[in-house]
Amino acid sequence: MHRLTYTPPDHQTTERTVDENRPPVGDTVRAAFASELFLPLGKVTGDTPLTELAGLDSVKLLRVVAALETQYAITLDDEQLYGLGTVGDVAVLVEKALETPAVSGG
């Protein structure tokens, strides 16, 4: 494990711990959707269209995103979410946020 320091555009420095042994992002994203929607994990795959997730609405989508942002200490652009088609697309967005280079400053 190692720590990354990241300063988002609002200049509030945050640290996140990167654990090379963490579960794959896709699995965590799938679990977040399944938990929020009370669905069996097996019903949520990376290929599942967001429009086919029973009970998913904009509020629940934002709650899933908030949970992922908290878990990974990242910030996702809400506007990008509405252009995504599948659960796997959300996972890719999270992975890209995790790959954002650490920035220091204030």
N, C-alpha and C. Protein backbone atom coordinates (compact mmCIF):
# COMPACT_ATOMS: atom_id res chain seq x y z
N MET A 1 0.83 -1.17 0.00
CA MET A 1 0.00 0.00 0.00
C MET A 1 0.88 1.24 0.00
N HIS A 2 0.39 2.27 -0.67
CA HIS A 2 1.07 3.55 -0.61
C HIS A 2 0.03 4.66 -0.68
N ARG A 3 0.42 5.84 -0.29
CA ARG A 3 -0.51 6.97 -0.25
C ARG A 3 -0.26 7.90 -1.42
N LEU A 4 -1.34 8.39 -1.99
CA LEU A 4 -1.27 9.41 -3.01
C LEU A 4 -1.90 10.68 -2.46
N THR A 5 -1.32 11.79 -2.75
CA THR A 5 -1.93 13.06 -2.38
C THR A 5 -2.49 13.68 -3.64
N TYR A 6 -3.73 14.11 -3.57
CA TYR A 6 -4.42 14.67 -4.72
C TYR A 6 -5.08 15.97 -4.33
N THR A 7 -4.89 16.99 -5.12
CA THR A 7 -5.55 18.27 -4.87
C THR A 7 -6.52 18.52 -6.02
N PRO A 8 -7.83 18.36 -5.77
CA PRO A 8 -8.81 18.62 -6.82
C PRO A 8 -8.87 20.10 -7.14
N PRO A 9 -9.64 20.46 -8.17
CA PRO A 9 -9.69 21.86 -8.57
C PRO A 9 -10.07 22.83 -7.46
N ASP A 10 -10.77 22.37 -6.42
CA ASP A 10 -11.14 23.29 -5.34
C ASP A 10 -9.98 23.50 -4.36
N HIS A 11 -8.83 22.90 -4.62
CA HIS A 11 -7.59 23.06 -3.86
C HIS A 11 -7.64 22.50 -2.45
N GLN A 12 -8.54 21.58 -2.18
CA GLN A 12 -8.55 20.90 -0.89
C GLN A 12 -7.77 19.61 -1.07
N THR A 13 -6.62 19.53 -0.44
CA THR A 13 -5.76 18.36 -0.59
C THR A 13 -6.36 17.17 0.13
N THR A 14 -6.39 16.05 -0.56
CA THR A 14 -6.86 14.82 0.06
C THR A 14 -5.81 13.75 -0.18
N GLU A 15 -5.81 12.77 0.68
CA GLU A 15 -4.93 11.62 0.49
C GLU A 15 -5.80 10.40 0.31
N ARG A 16 -5.31 9.50 -0.51
CA ARG A 16 -6.01 8.23 -0.63
C ARG A 16 -4.96 7.13 -0.58
N THR A 17 -5.36 6.04 0.00
CA THR A 17 -4.48 4.89 0.08
C THR A 17 -4.77 3.98 -1.09
N VAL A 18 -3.74 3.61 -1.80
CA VAL A 18 -3.89 2.71 -2.93
C VAL A 18 -3.41 1.34 -2.48
N ASP A 19 -4.31 0.40 -2.50
CA ASP A 19 -4.00 -0.97 -2.07
C ASP A 19 -3.98 -1.85 -3.31
N GLU A 20 -2.81 -2.33 -3.65
CA GLU A 20 -2.68 -3.16 -4.83
C GLU A 20 -3.48 -4.45 -4.71
N ASN A 21 -3.87 -4.82 -3.50
CA ASN A 21 -4.62 -6.05 -3.28
C ASN A 21 -6.13 -5.81 -3.21
N ARG A 22 -6.58 -4.59 -3.50
CA ARG A 22 -8.01 -4.31 -3.43
C ARG A 22 -8.74 -5.09 -4.53
N PRO A 23 -10.04 -5.34 -4.32
CA PRO A 23 -10.81 -6.03 -5.37
C PRO A 23 -10.81 -5.19 -6.64
N PRO A 24 -10.98 -5.83 -7.78
CA PRO A 24 -11.05 -5.07 -9.03
C PRO A 24 -12.17 -4.03 -8.96
N VAL A 25 -11.93 -2.89 -9.57
CA VAL A 25 -12.91 -1.80 -9.55
C VAL A 25 -14.25 -2.27 -10.09
N GLY A 26 -14.24 -3.05 -11.14
CA GLY A 26 -15.50 -3.53 -11.72
C GLY A 26 -16.33 -4.30 -10.71
N ASP A 27 -15.69 -5.12 -9.90
CA ASP A 27 -16.42 -5.88 -8.87
C ASP A 27 -17.02 -4.95 -7.83
N THR A 28 -16.28 -3.93 -7.45
CA THR A 28 -16.77 -2.98 -6.45
C THR A 28 -17.94 -2.17 -7.00
N VAL A 29 -17.85 -1.76 -8.25
CA VAL A 29 -18.94 -1.01 -8.88
C VAL A 29 -20.19 -1.88 -8.98
N ARG A 30 -20.01 -3.10 -9.42
CA ARG A 30 -21.16 -4.03 -9.50
C ARG A 30 -21.81 -4.20 -8.14
N ALA A 31 -20.99 -4.38 -7.11
CA ALA A 31 -21.52 -4.57 -5.76
C ALA A 31 -22.25 -3.32 -5.27
N ALA A 32 -21.76 -2.14 -5.63
CA ALA A 32 -22.41 -0.90 -5.22
C ALA A 32 -23.80 -0.79 -5.84
N PHE A 33 -23.91 -1.11 -7.12
CA PHE A 33 -25.23 -1.08 -7.77
C PHE A 33 -26.15 -2.14 -7.17
N ALA A 34 -25.64 -3.34 -6.98
CA ALA A 34 -26.47 -4.42 -6.42
C ALA A 34 -26.97 -4.04 -5.04
N SER A 35 -26.12 -3.47 -4.23
CA SER A 35 -26.49 -3.09 -2.87
C SER A 35 -27.55 -1.99 -2.88
N GLU A 36 -27.34 -0.96 -3.66
CA GLU A 36 -28.28 0.17 -3.71
C GLU A 36 -29.65 -0.25 -4.23
N LEU A 37 -29.66 -1.20 -5.17
CA LEU A 37 -30.91 -1.60 -5.81
C LEU A 37 -31.49 -2.89 -5.24
N PHE A 38 -30.85 -3.42 -4.20
CA PHE A 38 -31.29 -4.67 -3.57
C PHE A 38 -31.43 -5.79 -4.60
N LEU A 39 -30.42 -5.92 -5.45
CA LEU A 39 -30.38 -6.95 -6.47
C LEU A 39 -29.31 -7.97 -6.12
N PRO A 40 -29.51 -9.24 -6.53
CA PRO A 40 -28.44 -10.21 -6.36
C PRO A 40 -27.23 -9.78 -7.21
N LEU A 41 -26.04 -9.95 -6.68
CA LEU A 41 -24.84 -9.53 -7.38
C LEU A 41 -24.76 -10.16 -8.77
N GLY A 42 -25.23 -11.38 -8.90
CA GLY A 42 -25.19 -12.07 -10.19
C GLY A 42 -26.05 -11.43 -11.26
N LYS A 43 -26.97 -10.58 -10.87
CA LYS A 43 -27.85 -9.89 -11.82
C LYS A 43 -27.22 -8.61 -12.37
N VAL A 44 -26.07 -8.24 -11.81
CA VAL A 44 -25.39 -7.01 -12.24
C VAL A 44 -24.03 -7.39 -12.81
N THR A 45 -23.88 -7.21 -14.12
CA THR A 45 -22.61 -7.51 -14.77
C THR A 45 -22.06 -6.22 -15.38
N GLY A 46 -20.85 -6.29 -15.83
CA GLY A 46 -20.27 -5.13 -16.49
C GLY A 46 -21.01 -4.75 -17.76
N ASP A 47 -21.65 -5.72 -18.39
CA ASP A 47 -22.38 -5.48 -19.63
C ASP A 47 -23.83 -5.05 -19.40
N THR A 48 -24.27 -5.03 -18.15
CA THR A 48 -25.66 -4.67 -17.86
C THR A 48 -25.90 -3.20 -18.20
N PRO A 49 -26.86 -2.93 -19.11
CA PRO A 49 -27.19 -1.54 -19.39
C PRO A 49 -27.80 -0.88 -18.15
N LEU A 50 -27.41 0.35 -17.89
CA LEU A 50 -27.95 1.06 -16.74
C LEU A 50 -29.47 1.17 -16.84
N THR A 51 -29.97 1.28 -18.06
CA THR A 51 -31.42 1.41 -18.26
C THR A 51 -32.17 0.13 -17.93
N GLU A 52 -31.45 -0.99 -17.80
CA GLU A 52 -32.10 -2.26 -17.48
C GLU A 52 -31.96 -2.65 -16.02
N LEU A 53 -31.35 -1.80 -15.21
CA LEU A 53 -31.24 -2.08 -13.78
C LEU A 53 -32.54 -1.67 -13.11
N ALA A 54 -33.27 -2.67 -12.63
CA ALA A 54 -34.58 -2.42 -12.02
C ALA A 54 -34.46 -1.46 -10.86
N GLY A 55 -35.22 -0.38 -10.93
CA GLY A 55 -35.26 0.57 -9.83
C GLY A 55 -34.24 1.68 -9.90
N LEU A 56 -33.34 1.65 -10.90
CA LEU A 56 -32.32 2.70 -10.98
C LEU A 56 -32.94 3.98 -11.52
N ASP A 57 -32.78 5.05 -10.77
CA ASP A 57 -33.18 6.37 -11.22
C ASP A 57 -32.00 7.31 -10.96
N SER A 58 -32.17 8.57 -11.28
CA SER A 58 -31.04 9.50 -11.16
C SER A 58 -30.57 9.66 -9.72
N VAL A 59 -31.49 9.62 -8.77
CA VAL A 59 -31.11 9.76 -7.36
C VAL A 59 -30.29 8.55 -6.91
N LYS A 60 -30.73 7.36 -7.27
CA LYS A 60 -29.99 6.15 -6.88
C LYS A 60 -28.64 6.09 -7.58
N LEU A 61 -28.59 6.53 -8.83
CA LEU A 61 -27.31 6.57 -9.53
C LEU A 61 -26.34 7.48 -8.79
N LEU A 62 -26.81 8.64 -8.37
CA LEU A 62 -25.93 9.56 -7.65
C LEU A 62 -25.53 9.00 -6.29
N ARG A 63 -26.39 8.20 -5.66
CA ARG A 63 -26.01 7.58 -4.38
C ARG A 63 -24.93 6.53 -4.60
N VAL A 64 -25.03 5.77 -5.68
CA VAL A 64 -23.98 4.80 -6.00
C VAL A 64 -22.67 5.54 -6.25
N VAL A 65 -22.74 6.61 -7.02
CA VAL A 65 -21.54 7.39 -7.32
C VAL A 65 -20.94 7.97 -6.05
N ALA A 66 -21.77 8.50 -5.17
CA ALA A 66 -21.27 9.06 -3.91
C ALA A 66 -20.56 8.00 -3.08
N ALA A 67 -21.12 6.79 -3.06
CA ALA A 67 -20.48 5.69 -2.31
C ALA A 67 -19.13 5.35 -2.92
N LEU A 68 -19.05 5.32 -4.25
CA LEU A 68 -17.79 5.01 -4.92
C LEU A 68 -16.77 6.13 -4.70
N GLU A 69 -17.22 7.37 -4.75
CA GLU A 69 -16.31 8.49 -4.50
C GLU A 69 -15.74 8.43 -3.08
N THR A 70 -16.58 8.08 -2.13
CA THR A 70 -16.12 7.96 -0.75
C THR A 70 -15.14 6.80 -0.61
N GLN A 71 -15.51 5.66 -1.17
CA GLN A 71 -14.66 4.47 -1.04
C GLN A 71 -13.28 4.68 -1.65
N TYR A 72 -13.24 5.33 -2.80
CA TYR A 72 -11.97 5.49 -3.51
C TYR A 72 -11.32 6.86 -3.32
N ALA A 73 -11.95 7.76 -2.59
CA ALA A 73 -11.44 9.13 -2.39
C ALA A 73 -11.18 9.81 -3.72
N ILE A 74 -12.21 9.76 -4.58
CA ILE A 74 -12.14 10.38 -5.90
C ILE A 74 -13.34 11.30 -6.07
N THR A 75 -13.32 12.07 -7.14
CA THR A 75 -14.47 12.87 -7.52
C THR A 75 -14.79 12.56 -8.97
N LEU A 76 -16.04 12.19 -9.23
CA LEU A 76 -16.48 11.90 -10.58
C LEU A 76 -17.34 13.06 -11.07
N ASP A 77 -17.25 13.34 -12.35
CA ASP A 77 -18.04 14.40 -12.97
C ASP A 77 -19.45 13.87 -13.21
N ASP A 78 -20.43 14.43 -12.50
CA ASP A 78 -21.80 13.96 -12.60
C ASP A 78 -22.32 14.02 -14.04
N GLU A 79 -21.91 15.02 -14.80
CA GLU A 79 -22.39 15.14 -16.17
C GLU A 79 -21.92 13.98 -17.04
N GLN A 80 -20.73 13.46 -16.76
CA GLN A 80 -20.23 12.32 -17.53
C GLN A 80 -21.08 11.07 -17.28
N LEU A 81 -21.66 10.97 -16.11
CA LEU A 81 -22.43 9.78 -15.76
C LEU A 81 -23.61 9.57 -16.68
N TYR A 82 -24.23 10.65 -17.09
CA TYR A 82 -25.45 10.53 -17.89
C TYR A 82 -25.18 10.11 -19.32
N GLY A 83 -23.93 10.08 -19.73
CA GLY A 83 -23.59 9.58 -21.05
C GLY A 83 -23.16 8.13 -21.04
N LEU A 84 -23.14 7.51 -19.87
CA LEU A 84 -22.68 6.13 -19.75
C LEU A 84 -23.82 5.16 -20.02
N GLY A 85 -23.47 4.03 -20.64
CA GLY A 85 -24.50 3.07 -20.99
C GLY A 85 -24.58 1.85 -20.10
N THR A 86 -23.44 1.42 -19.56
CA THR A 86 -23.43 0.16 -18.81
C THR A 86 -22.74 0.32 -17.46
N VAL A 87 -22.90 -0.69 -16.64
CA VAL A 87 -22.21 -0.74 -15.35
C VAL A 87 -20.70 -0.72 -15.59
N GLY A 88 -20.26 -1.41 -16.61
CA GLY A 88 -18.84 -1.42 -16.95
C GLY A 88 -18.32 -0.04 -17.32
N ASP A 89 -19.16 0.77 -17.96
CA ASP A 89 -18.76 2.14 -18.28
C ASP A 89 -18.50 2.95 -17.01
N VAL A 90 -19.32 2.72 -15.99
CA VAL A 90 -19.11 3.40 -14.71
C VAL A 90 -17.77 2.97 -14.11
N ALA A 91 -17.48 1.67 -14.20
CA ALA A 91 -16.21 1.16 -13.68
C ALA A 91 -15.03 1.80 -14.39
N VAL A 92 -15.13 1.97 -15.70
CA VAL A 92 -14.05 2.61 -16.47
C VAL A 92 -13.86 4.05 -16.01
N LEU A 93 -14.96 4.76 -15.75
CA LEU A 93 -14.87 6.14 -15.27
C LEU A 93 -14.16 6.20 -13.91
N VAL A 94 -14.48 5.25 -13.03
CA VAL A 94 -13.82 5.18 -11.72
C VAL A 94 -12.33 4.89 -11.90
N GLU A 95 -12.01 3.93 -12.77
CA GLU A 95 -10.60 3.59 -13.00
C GLU A 95 -9.83 4.80 -13.53
N LYS A 96 -10.43 5.56 -14.42
CA LYS A 96 -9.76 6.75 -14.95
C LYS A 96 -9.52 7.77 -13.84
N ALA A 97 -10.49 7.92 -12.95
CA ALA A 97 -10.32 8.85 -11.83
C ALA A 97 -9.20 8.38 -10.91
N LEU A 98 -9.07 7.07 -10.73
CA LEU A 98 -8.00 6.53 -9.89
C LEU A 98 -6.63 6.72 -10.52
N GLU A 99 -6.58 6.79 -11.84
CA GLU A 99 -5.31 6.96 -12.54
C GLU A 99 -4.89 8.42 -12.63
N THR A 100 -5.75 9.33 -12.21
CA THR A 100 -5.42 10.75 -12.26
C THR A 100 -4.17 10.99 -11.44
N PRO A 101 -3.16 11.62 -12.02
CA PRO A 101 -1.92 11.83 -11.26
C PRO A 101 -2.15 12.62 -9.99
N ALA A 102 -1.38 12.27 -8.99
CA ALA A 102 -1.45 12.99 -7.72
C ALA A 102 -0.91 14.40 -7.93
N VAL A 103 -1.56 15.35 -7.30
CA VAL A 103 -1.16 16.75 -7.41
C VAL A 103 -0.98 17.27 -6.00
N SER A 104 0.08 18.00 -5.77
CA SER A 104 0.25 18.62 -4.46
C SER A 104 0.18 20.13 -4.62
N GLY A 105 -0.08 20.78 -3.55
CA GLY A 105 -0.17 22.23 -3.61
C GLY A 105 -1.27 22.72 -2.71
N GLY A 106 -1.72 23.96 -2.88
CA GLY A 106 -2.79 24.45 -2.04
C GLY A 106 -3.28 25.77 -2.36
